[in-house]
Amino acid sequence: MALTKEAKQQLVTDFGRKEGDTGSPEVQVAILTKRIVYLTEHLRANKGDDSSRRGLLKLVGARRRHLMYLAKRNPKAYEQVVAKLGLRRK
């Protein structure tokens, strides 16, 4: 996995609601997005890696569920996260 401890800590400070906040949907979406970007690049170079493709699809589904939860519970935070991460949403 390409997500180092320092990169993860940076995402927590950027998206967390308070110091050390790793469980909020905003932080989880940011971490999942970082992993999705890494796996997407990996799959562009390794087209036959079906195991990683399955993992990517699971990550995308998890991120989608977190975003749907955030949109229902806190629409303002949802809009901020989507804008900050540059995600395309309907």
PDB file of N, CA and C in Angstrom:
ATOM      1  N   MET A   1       0.846  -1.179   0.000  1.00  0.00           N
ATOM      2  CA  MET A   1       0.000   0.000   0.000  1.00  0.00           C
ATOM      3  C   MET A   1       0.884   1.232   0.000  1.00  0.00           C
ATOM      4  N   ALA A   2       0.515   2.234  -0.746  1.00  0.00           N
ATOM      5  CA  ALA A   2       1.357   3.404  -0.927  1.00  0.00           C
ATOM      6  C   ALA A   2       1.111   4.502   0.104  1.00  0.00           C
ATOM      7  N   LEU A   3       0.174   4.316   0.977  1.00  0.00           N
ATOM      8  CA  LEU A   3      -0.166   5.366   1.936  1.00  0.00           C
ATOM      9  C   LEU A   3       0.736   5.250   3.162  1.00  0.00           C
ATOM     10  N   THR A   4       1.698   6.159   3.270  1.00  0.00           N
ATOM     11  CA  THR A   4       2.628   6.129   4.393  1.00  0.00           C
ATOM     12  C   THR A   4       1.977   6.727   5.633  1.00  0.00           C
ATOM     13  N   LYS A   5       2.630   6.521   6.753  1.00  0.00           N
ATOM     14  CA  LYS A   5       2.116   7.032   8.017  1.00  0.00           C
ATOM     15  C   LYS A   5       2.029   8.557   7.990  1.00  0.00           C
ATOM     16  N   GLU A   6       3.037   9.196   7.393  1.00  0.00           N
ATOM     17  CA  GLU A   6       3.052  10.661   7.327  1.00  0.00           C
ATOM     18  C   GLU A   6       1.940  11.189   6.418  1.00  0.00           C
ATOM     19  N   ALA A   7       1.712  10.510   5.286  1.00  0.00           N
ATOM     20  CA  ALA A   7       0.649  10.942   4.369  1.00  0.00           C
ATOM     21  C   ALA A   7      -0.720  10.799   5.026  1.00  0.00           C
ATOM     22  N   LYS A   8      -0.905   9.709   5.755  1.00  0.00           N
ATOM     23  CA  LYS A   8      -2.177   9.492   6.441  1.00  0.00           C
ATOM     24  C   LYS A   8      -2.384  10.543   7.523  1.00  0.00           C
ATOM     25  N   GLN A   9      -1.333  10.862   8.260  1.00  0.00           N
ATOM     26  CA  GLN A   9      -1.432  11.882   9.306  1.00  0.00           C
ATOM     27  C   GLN A   9      -1.774  13.246   8.708  1.00  0.00           C
ATOM     28  N   GLN A  10      -1.215  13.537   7.536  1.00  0.00           N
ATOM     29  CA  GLN A  10      -1.515  14.803   6.862  1.00  0.00           C
ATOM     30  C   GLN A  10      -2.991  14.867   6.471  1.00  0.00           C
ATOM     31  N   LEU A  11      -3.529  13.753   5.972  1.00  0.00           N
ATOM     32  CA  LEU A  11      -4.955  13.714   5.626  1.00  0.00           C
ATOM     33  C   LEU A  11      -5.820  13.895   6.865  1.00  0.00           C
ATOM     34  N   VAL A  12      -5.410  13.320   7.983  1.00  0.00           N
ATOM     35  CA  VAL A  12      -6.168  13.453   9.229  1.00  0.00           C
ATOM     36  C   VAL A  12      -6.179  14.910   9.675  1.00  0.00           C
ATOM     37  N   THR A  13      -5.048  15.594   9.572  1.00  0.00           N
ATOM     38  CA  THR A  13      -5.017  16.998   9.992  1.00  0.00           C
ATOM     39  C   THR A  13      -5.792  17.886   9.021  1.00  0.00           C
ATOM     40  N   ASP A  14      -5.793  17.546   7.735  1.00  0.00           N
ATOM     41  CA  ASP A  14      -6.499  18.360   6.743  1.00  0.00           C
ATOM     42  C   ASP A  14      -8.020  18.191   6.826  1.00  0.00           C
ATOM     43  N   PHE A  15      -8.478  16.965   7.059  1.00  0.00           N
ATOM     44  CA  PHE A  15      -9.906  16.687   6.985  1.00  0.00           C
ATOM     45  C   PHE A  15     -10.562  16.397   8.325  1.00  0.00           C
ATOM     46  N   GLY A  16      -9.783  16.193   9.380  1.00  0.00           N
ATOM     47  CA  GLY A  16     -10.346  15.828  10.672  1.00  0.00           C
ATOM     48  C   GLY A  16     -11.097  16.963  11.326  1.00  0.00           C
ATOM     49  N   ARG A  17     -12.048  16.595  12.150  1.00  0.00           N
ATOM     50  CA  ARG A  17     -12.824  17.593  12.882  1.00  0.00           C
ATOM     51  C   ARG A  17     -12.054  18.123  14.083  1.00  0.00           C
ATOM     52  N   LYS A  18     -11.170  17.278  14.629  1.00  0.00           N
ATOM     53  CA  LYS A  18     -10.326  17.671  15.751  1.00  0.00           C
ATOM     54  C   LYS A  18      -9.028  16.894  15.646  1.00  0.00           C
ATOM     55  N   GLU A  19      -8.100  17.151  16.528  1.00  0.00           N
ATOM     56  CA  GLU A  19      -6.802  16.475  16.493  1.00  0.00           C
ATOM     57  C   GLU A  19      -6.964  14.980  16.749  1.00  0.00           C
ATOM     58  N   GLY A  20      -6.343  14.170  15.919  1.00  0.00           N
ATOM     59  CA  GLY A  20      -6.392  12.721  16.088  1.00  0.00           C
ATOM     60  C   GLY A  20      -7.671  12.069  15.611  1.00  0.00           C
ATOM     61  N   ASP A  21      -8.490  12.789  14.886  1.00  0.00           N
ATOM     62  CA  ASP A  21      -9.777  12.280  14.409  1.00  0.00           C
ATOM     63  C   ASP A  21      -9.544  11.408  13.172  1.00  0.00           C
ATOM     64  N   THR A  22      -9.633  10.087  13.336  1.00  0.00           N
ATOM     65  CA  THR A  22      -9.447   9.195  12.197  1.00  0.00           C
ATOM     66  C   THR A  22     -10.734   8.502  11.785  1.00  0.00           C
ATOM     67  N   GLY A  23     -11.794   8.664  12.558  1.00  0.00           N
ATOM     68  CA  GLY A  23     -13.016   7.924  12.287  1.00  0.00           C
ATOM     69  C   GLY A  23     -14.108   8.700  11.601  1.00  0.00           C
ATOM     70  N   SER A  24     -13.972  10.005  11.491  1.00  0.00           N
ATOM     71  CA  SER A  24     -15.043  10.776  10.868  1.00  0.00           C
ATOM     72  C   SER A  24     -15.136  10.438   9.383  1.00  0.00           C
ATOM     73  N   PRO A  25     -16.324  10.555   8.796  1.00  0.00           N
ATOM     74  CA  PRO A  25     -16.496  10.222   7.385  1.00  0.00           C
ATOM     75  C   PRO A  25     -15.599  11.063   6.464  1.00  0.00           C
ATOM     76  N   GLU A  26     -15.349  12.311   6.851  1.00  0.00           N
ATOM     77  CA  GLU A  26     -14.508  13.173   6.023  1.00  0.00           C
ATOM     78  C   GLU A  26     -13.103  12.589   5.891  1.00  0.00           C
ATOM     79  N   VAL A  27     -12.538  12.151   7.004  1.00  0.00           N
ATOM     80  CA  VAL A  27     -11.179  11.588   6.993  1.00  0.00           C
ATOM     81  C   VAL A  27     -11.171  10.266   6.244  1.00  0.00           C
ATOM     82  N   GLN A  28     -12.165   9.437   6.482  1.00  0.00           N
ATOM     83  CA  GLN A  28     -12.200   8.138   5.821  1.00  0.00           C
ATOM     84  C   GLN A  28     -12.338   8.279   4.314  1.00  0.00           C
ATOM     85  N   VAL A  29     -13.145   9.237   3.856  1.00  0.00           N
ATOM     86  CA  VAL A  29     -13.288   9.469   2.420  1.00  0.00           C
ATOM     87  C   VAL A  29     -11.956   9.939   1.832  1.00  0.00           C
ATOM     88  N   ALA A  30     -11.255  10.809   2.542  1.00  0.00           N
ATOM     89  CA  ALA A  30      -9.968  11.300   2.049  1.00  0.00           C
ATOM     90  C   ALA A  30      -8.946  10.169   1.942  1.00  0.00           C
ATOM     91  N   ILE A  31      -8.887   9.305   2.944  1.00  0.00           N
ATOM     92  CA  ILE A  31      -7.944   8.185   2.917  1.00  0.00           C
ATOM     93  C   ILE A  31      -8.303   7.208   1.807  1.00  0.00           C
ATOM     94  N   LEU A  32      -9.589   6.902   1.674  1.00  0.00           N
ATOM     95  CA  LEU A  32     -10.015   6.005   0.598  1.00  0.00           C
ATOM     96  C   LEU A  32      -9.706   6.590  -0.768  1.00  0.00           C
ATOM     97  N   THR A  33      -9.887   7.889  -0.924  1.00  0.00           N
ATOM     98  CA  THR A  33      -9.599   8.537  -2.204  1.00  0.00           C
ATOM     99  C   THR A  33      -8.123   8.416  -2.549  1.00  0.00           C
ATOM    100  N   LYS A  34      -7.265   8.614  -1.568  1.00  0.00           N
ATOM    101  CA  LYS A  34      -5.826   8.497  -1.796  1.00  0.00           C
ATOM    102  C   LYS A  34      -5.467   7.079  -2.237  1.00  0.00           C
ATOM    103  N   ARG A  35      -6.048   6.080  -1.590  1.00  0.00           N
ATOM    104  CA  ARG A  35      -5.791   4.688  -1.964  1.00  0.00           C
ATOM    105  C   ARG A  35      -6.355   4.360  -3.338  1.00  0.00           C
ATOM    106  N   ILE A  36      -7.523   4.922  -3.671  1.00  0.00           N
ATOM    107  CA  ILE A  36      -8.137   4.691  -4.980  1.00  0.00           C
ATOM    108  C   ILE A  36      -7.262   5.259  -6.088  1.00  0.00           C
ATOM    109  N   VAL A  37      -6.715   6.445  -5.871  1.00  0.00           N
ATOM    110  CA  VAL A  37      -5.839   7.061  -6.872  1.00  0.00           C
ATOM    111  C   VAL A  37      -4.604   6.190  -7.098  1.00  0.00           C
ATOM    112  N   TYR A  38      -4.022   5.688  -6.004  1.00  0.00           N
ATOM    113  CA  TYR A  38      -2.836   4.836  -6.127  1.00  0.00           C
ATOM    114  C   TYR A  38      -3.155   3.561  -6.906  1.00  0.00           C
ATOM    115  N   LEU A  39      -4.261   2.905  -6.558  1.00  0.00           N
ATOM    116  CA  LEU A  39      -4.612   1.661  -7.240  1.00  0.00           C
ATOM    117  C   LEU A  39      -4.969   1.891  -8.703  1.00  0.00           C
ATOM    118  N   THR A  40      -5.577   3.018  -9.008  1.00  0.00           N
ATOM    119  CA  THR A  40      -5.912   3.335 -10.391  1.00  0.00           C
ATOM    120  C   THR A  40      -4.649   3.442 -11.228  1.00  0.00           C
ATOM    121  N   GLU A  41      -3.640   4.122 -10.706  1.00  0.00           N
ATOM    122  CA  GLU A  41      -2.368   4.233 -11.419  1.00  0.00           C
ATOM    123  C   GLU A  41      -1.708   2.863 -11.558  1.00  0.00           C
ATOM    124  N   HIS A  42      -1.777   2.044 -10.525  1.00  0.00           N
ATOM    125  CA  HIS A  42      -1.202   0.699 -10.574  1.00  0.00           C
ATOM    126  C   HIS A  42      -1.863  -0.125 -11.670  1.00  0.00           C
ATOM    127  N   LEU A  43      -3.179  -0.023 -11.777  1.00  0.00           N
ATOM    128  CA  LEU A  43      -3.903  -0.822 -12.767  1.00  0.00           C
ATOM    129  C   LEU A  43      -3.683  -0.323 -14.187  1.00  0.00           C
ATOM    130  N   ARG A  44      -3.342   0.936 -14.344  1.00  0.00           N
ATOM    131  CA  ARG A  44      -3.011   1.422 -15.688  1.00  0.00           C
ATOM    132  C   ARG A  44      -1.724   0.768 -16.187  1.00  0.00           C
ATOM    133  N   ALA A  45      -0.800   0.510 -15.273  1.00  0.00           N
ATOM    134  CA  ALA A  45       0.463  -0.113 -15.643  1.00  0.00           C
ATOM    135  C   ALA A  45       0.356  -1.635 -15.683  1.00  0.00           C
ATOM    136  N   ASN A  46      -0.543  -2.220 -14.896  1.00  0.00           N
ATOM    137  CA  ASN A  46      -0.676  -3.669 -14.786  1.00  0.00           C
ATOM    138  C   ASN A  46      -2.113  -4.077 -15.103  1.00  0.00           C
ATOM    139  N   LYS A  47      -2.424  -4.143 -16.370  1.00  0.00           N
ATOM    140  CA  LYS A  47      -3.802  -4.349 -16.794  1.00  0.00           C
ATOM    141  C   LYS A  47      -4.370  -5.713 -16.401  1.00  0.00           C
ATOM    142  N   GLY A  48      -3.538  -6.715 -16.202  1.00  0.00           N
ATOM    143  CA  GLY A  48      -4.033  -8.050 -15.891  1.00  0.00           C
ATOM    144  C   GLY A  48      -4.185  -8.341 -14.416  1.00  0.00           C
ATOM    145  N   ASP A  49      -3.982  -7.372 -13.569  1.00  0.00           N
ATOM    146  CA  ASP A  49      -4.032  -7.584 -12.128  1.00  0.00           C
ATOM    147  C   ASP A  49      -5.477  -7.530 -11.638  1.00  0.00           C
ATOM    148  N   ASP A  50      -6.148  -8.680 -11.743  1.00  0.00           N
ATOM    149  CA  ASP A  50      -7.566  -8.727 -11.400  1.00  0.00           C
ATOM    150  C   ASP A  50      -7.812  -8.646  -9.898  1.00  0.00           C
ATOM    151  N   SER A  51      -6.870  -9.118  -9.098  1.00  0.00           N
ATOM    152  CA  SER A  51      -7.035  -9.044  -7.644  1.00  0.00           C
ATOM    153  C   SER A  51      -7.062  -7.587  -7.179  1.00  0.00           C
ATOM    154  N   SER A  52      -6.172  -6.784  -7.728  1.00  0.00           N
ATOM    155  CA  SER A  52      -6.153  -5.367  -7.364  1.00  0.00           C
ATOM    156  C   SER A  52      -7.386  -4.647  -7.897  1.00  0.00           C
ATOM    157  N   ARG A  53      -7.878  -5.083  -9.056  1.00  0.00           N
ATOM    158  CA  ARG A  53      -9.086  -4.477  -9.615  1.00  0.00           C
ATOM    159  C   ARG A  53     -10.277  -4.719  -8.675  1.00  0.00           C
ATOM    160  N   ARG A  54     -10.363  -5.928  -8.126  1.00  0.00           N
ATOM    161  CA  ARG A  54     -11.438  -6.227  -7.183  1.00  0.00           C
ATOM    162  C   ARG A  54     -11.305  -5.377  -5.927  1.00  0.00           C
ATOM    163  N   GLY A  55     -10.083  -5.222  -5.440  1.00  0.00           N
ATOM    164  CA  GLY A  55      -9.849  -4.375  -4.276  1.00  0.00           C
ATOM    165  C   GLY A  55     -10.235  -2.936  -4.549  1.00  0.00           C
ATOM    166  N   LEU A  56      -9.925  -2.462  -5.751  1.00  0.00           N
ATOM    167  CA  LEU A  56     -10.288  -1.094  -6.134  1.00  0.00           C
ATOM    168  C   LEU A  56     -11.795  -0.915  -6.115  1.00  0.00           C
ATOM    169  N   LEU A  57     -12.515  -1.877  -6.651  1.00  0.00           N
ATOM    170  CA  LEU A  57     -13.974  -1.774  -6.678  1.00  0.00           C
ATOM    171  C   LEU A  57     -14.556  -1.769  -5.268  1.00  0.00           C
ATOM    172  N   LYS A  58     -13.959  -2.538  -4.351  1.00  0.00           N
ATOM    173  CA  LYS A  58     -14.415  -2.534  -2.966  1.00  0.00           C
ATOM    174  C   LYS A  58     -14.162  -1.177  -2.313  1.00  0.00           C
ATOM    175  N   LEU A  59     -13.001  -0.566  -2.614  1.00  0.00           N
ATOM    176  CA  LEU A  59     -12.699   0.752  -2.057  1.00  0.00           C
ATOM    177  C   LEU A  59     -13.651   1.811  -2.594  1.00  0.00           C
ATOM    178  N   VAL A  60     -13.962   1.740  -3.879  1.00  0.00           N
ATOM    179  CA  VAL A  60     -14.882   2.714  -4.479  1.00  0.00           C
ATOM    180  C   VAL A  60     -16.268   2.586  -3.847  1.00  0.00           C
ATOM    181  N   GLY A  61     -16.705   1.358  -3.615  1.00  0.00           N
ATOM    182  CA  GLY A  61     -18.004   1.145  -2.972  1.00  0.00           C
ATOM    183  C   GLY A  61     -18.026   1.670  -1.544  1.00  0.00           C
ATOM    184  N   ALA A  62     -16.946   1.444  -0.818  1.00  0.00           N
ATOM    185  CA  ALA A  62     -16.873   1.938   0.558  1.00  0.00           C
ATOM    186  C   ALA A  62     -16.889   3.464   0.584  1.00  0.00           C
ATOM    187  N   ARG A  63     -16.144   4.077  -0.336  1.00  0.00           N
ATOM    188  CA  ARG A  63     -16.129   5.541  -0.386  1.00  0.00           C
ATOM    189  C   ARG A  63     -17.510   6.074  -0.741  1.00  0.00           C
ATOM    190  N   ARG A  64     -18.197   5.411  -1.658  1.00  0.00           N
ATOM    191  CA  ARG A  64     -19.542   5.848  -2.041  1.00  0.00           C
ATOM    192  C   ARG A  64     -20.497   5.793  -0.856  1.00  0.00           C
ATOM    193  N   ARG A  65     -20.402   4.723  -0.072  1.00  0.00           N
ATOM    194  CA  ARG A  65     -21.275   4.602   1.101  1.00  0.00           C
ATOM    195  C   ARG A  65     -20.958   5.679   2.136  1.00  0.00           C
ATOM    196  N   HIS A  66     -19.687   5.963   2.351  1.00  0.00           N
ATOM    197  CA  HIS A  66     -19.318   7.026   3.287  1.00  0.00           C
ATOM    198  C   HIS A  66     -19.838   8.381   2.790  1.00  0.00           C
ATOM    199  N   LEU A  67     -19.738   8.625   1.494  1.00  0.00           N
ATOM    200  CA  LEU A  67     -20.223   9.896   0.949  1.00  0.00           C
ATOM    201  C   LEU A  67     -21.742  10.016   1.060  1.00  0.00           C
ATOM    202  N   MET A  68     -22.458   8.922   0.836  1.00  0.00           N
ATOM    203  CA  MET A  68     -23.913   8.967   0.969  1.00  0.00           C
ATOM    204  C   MET A  68     -24.306   9.249   2.414  1.00  0.00           C
ATOM    205  N   TYR A  69     -23.606   8.628   3.367  1.00  0.00           N
ATOM    206  CA  TYR A  69     -23.860   8.869   4.788  1.00  0.00           C
ATOM    207  C   TYR A  69     -23.604  10.336   5.128  1.00  0.00           C
ATOM    208  N   LEU A  70     -22.486  10.859   4.640  1.00  0.00           N
ATOM    209  CA  LEU A  70     -22.133  12.246   4.933  1.00  0.00           C
ATOM    210  C   LEU A  70     -23.127  13.220   4.307  1.00  0.00           C
ATOM    211  N   ALA A  71     -23.593  12.910   3.101  1.00  0.00           N
ATOM    212  CA  ALA A  71     -24.561  13.783   2.427  1.00  0.00           C
ATOM    213  C   ALA A  71     -25.874  13.845   3.202  1.00  0.00           C
ATOM    214  N   LYS A  72     -26.279  12.722   3.808  1.00  0.00           N
ATOM    215  CA  LYS A  72     -27.520  12.702   4.579  1.00  0.00           C
ATOM    216  C   LYS A  72     -27.365  13.415   5.914  1.00  0.00           C
ATOM    217  N   ARG A  73     -26.237  13.182   6.589  1.00  0.00           N
ATOM    218  CA  ARG A  73     -26.046  13.699   7.946  1.00  0.00           C
ATOM    219  C   ARG A  73     -25.571  15.140   7.999  1.00  0.00           C
ATOM    220  N   ASN A  74     -24.699  15.512   7.058  1.00  0.00           N
ATOM    221  CA  ASN A  74     -24.101  16.843   7.094  1.00  0.00           C
ATOM    222  C   ASN A  74     -23.818  17.318   5.667  1.00  0.00           C
ATOM    223  N   PRO A  75     -24.836  17.854   4.971  1.00  0.00           N
ATOM    224  CA  PRO A  75     -24.664  18.243   3.569  1.00  0.00           C
ATOM    225  C   PRO A  75     -23.571  19.295   3.342  1.00  0.00           C
ATOM    226  N   LYS A  76     -23.390  20.189   4.294  1.00  0.00           N
ATOM    227  CA  LYS A  76     -22.375  21.225   4.149  1.00  0.00           C
ATOM    228  C   LYS A  76     -20.971  20.600   4.133  1.00  0.00           C
ATOM    229  N   ALA A  77     -20.714  19.679   5.057  1.00  0.00           N
ATOM    230  CA  ALA A  77     -19.422  18.990   5.102  1.00  0.00           C
ATOM    231  C   ALA A  77     -19.226  18.140   3.852  1.00  0.00           C
ATOM    232  N   TYR A  78     -20.310  17.548   3.364  1.00  0.00           N
ATOM    233  CA  TYR A  78     -20.246  16.753   2.136  1.00  0.00           C
ATOM    234  C   TYR A  78     -19.763  17.604   0.967  1.00  0.00           C
ATOM    235  N   GLU A  79     -20.371  18.765   0.808  1.00  0.00           N
ATOM    236  CA  GLU A  79     -19.976  19.659  -0.291  1.00  0.00           C
ATOM    237  C   GLU A  79     -18.516  20.085  -0.167  1.00  0.00           C
ATOM    238  N   GLN A  80     -18.071  20.369   1.055  1.00  0.00           N
ATOM    239  CA  GLN A  80     -16.683  20.778   1.265  1.00  0.00           C
ATOM    240  C   GLN A  80     -15.710  19.657   0.917  1.00  0.00           C
ATOM    241  N   VAL A  81     -16.009  18.444   1.336  1.00  0.00           N
ATOM    242  CA  VAL A  81     -15.128  17.307   1.069  1.00  0.00           C
ATOM    243  C   VAL A  81     -15.055  17.024  -0.425  1.00  0.00           C
ATOM    244  N   VAL A  82     -16.198  17.031  -1.094  1.00  0.00           N
ATOM    245  CA  VAL A  82     -16.230  16.757  -2.534  1.00  0.00           C
ATOM    246  C   VAL A  82     -15.437  17.827  -3.279  1.00  0.00           C
ATOM    247  N   ALA A  83     -15.603  19.079  -2.893  1.00  0.00           N
ATOM    248  CA  ALA A  83     -14.873  20.160  -3.550  1.00  0.00           C
ATOM    249  C   ALA A  83     -13.371  20.062  -3.283  1.00  0.00           C
ATOM    250  N   LYS A  84     -12.999  19.781  -2.062  1.00  0.00           N
ATOM    251  CA  LYS A  84     -11.589  19.733  -1.696  1.00  0.00           C
ATOM    252  C   LYS A  84     -10.857  18.563  -2.348  1.00  0.00           C
ATOM    253  N   LEU A  85     -11.543  17.427  -2.501  1.00  0.00           N
ATOM    254  CA  LEU A  85     -10.936  16.257  -3.117  1.00  0.00           C
ATOM    255  C   LEU A  85     -11.088  16.240  -4.634  1.00  0.00           C
ATOM    256  N   GLY A  86     -11.943  17.112  -5.161  1.00  0.00           N
ATOM    257  CA  GLY A  86     -12.136  17.170  -6.612  1.00  0.00           C
ATOM    258  C   GLY A  86     -12.912  15.972  -7.154  1.00  0.00           C
ATOM    259  N   LEU A  87     -13.879  15.482  -6.390  1.00  0.00           N
ATOM    260  CA  LEU A  87     -14.662  14.329  -6.822  1.00  0.00           C
ATOM    261  C   LEU A  87     -15.815  14.795  -7.698  1.00  0.00           C
ATOM    262  N   ARG A  88     -16.165  13.967  -8.665  1.00  0.00           N
ATOM    263  CA  ARG A  88     -17.321  14.255  -9.499  1.00  0.00           C
ATOM    264  C   ARG A  88     -18.531  13.571  -8.888  1.00  0.00           C
ATOM    265  N   ARG A  89     -19.541  14.320  -8.567  1.00  0.00           N
ATOM    266  CA  ARG A  89     -20.761  13.771  -7.997  1.00  0.00           C
ATOM    267  C   ARG A  89     -21.953  14.257  -8.800  1.00  0.00           C
ATOM    268  N   LYS A  90     -23.018  13.469  -8.789  1.00  0.00           N
ATOM    269  CA  LYS A  90     -24.231  13.818  -9.541  1.00  0.00           C
ATOM    270  C   LYS A  90     -24.954  14.962  -8.869  1.00  0.00           C
TER     271      LYS A  90
END
